[in-house]
Amino acid sequence: MPDTDATARELPAGQQRQLAADLFNLVWELLERPGRTVEEDDRMVHAAHASRYHWGQVGQPMQRAIGEWQCARVYSVLGRAEPALHHARRCAEIVTANEVPDWLVASSHEALARAHAVAGDKAEARRQRDIAHSVLATLADPEEREVVESDLAGIPL
């Protein structure tokens, strides 16, 4: 039977925001867990996509870009270059098309650098890392700079 009233069953915006945030945090817990199992890796992938889905329903460009960034990070950590590159590129597209904070611009380049490193393209990874560093040099907030610098330092180059 065709679904003629799908919008009537959508979750309220507040619930979607909470789900998006809770799933985002779950992904970070799983990313930081030593010795993750294959099942936990799968759960991490699904949670990252679910978080991004909910931000796509109720978030602003910033949240959507961060969701893509997190998906790229998950796939990079798992060594899956093609989806890591896809989500890093989507993050960069969203960032480029919208006004977002400069730390997020730097983070989009960090995601690209990490994904290219996983894909074995060290030259492009270094180029993206260098762009991220040049954006970071313009940030006034040292805490924002430190977070992204820490992420950049973890790229396997």
Foldseek 3Di string as FASTA:
>chain_A
DDDPPVVVPDDDLVVLQVLLVVLLVLLVVLLPDPPDDPVSLVSSLVSLVSSLVSCVVRNDLVSNLVSLLSNLVSCLSVLNQPSNQVSLVVSCVSPVVDPDDLLSNLSSLLSNLQSCVSVVNNVSSVVSNVVSVVSLVPDPDVVSSVVSVVSNVPRDD
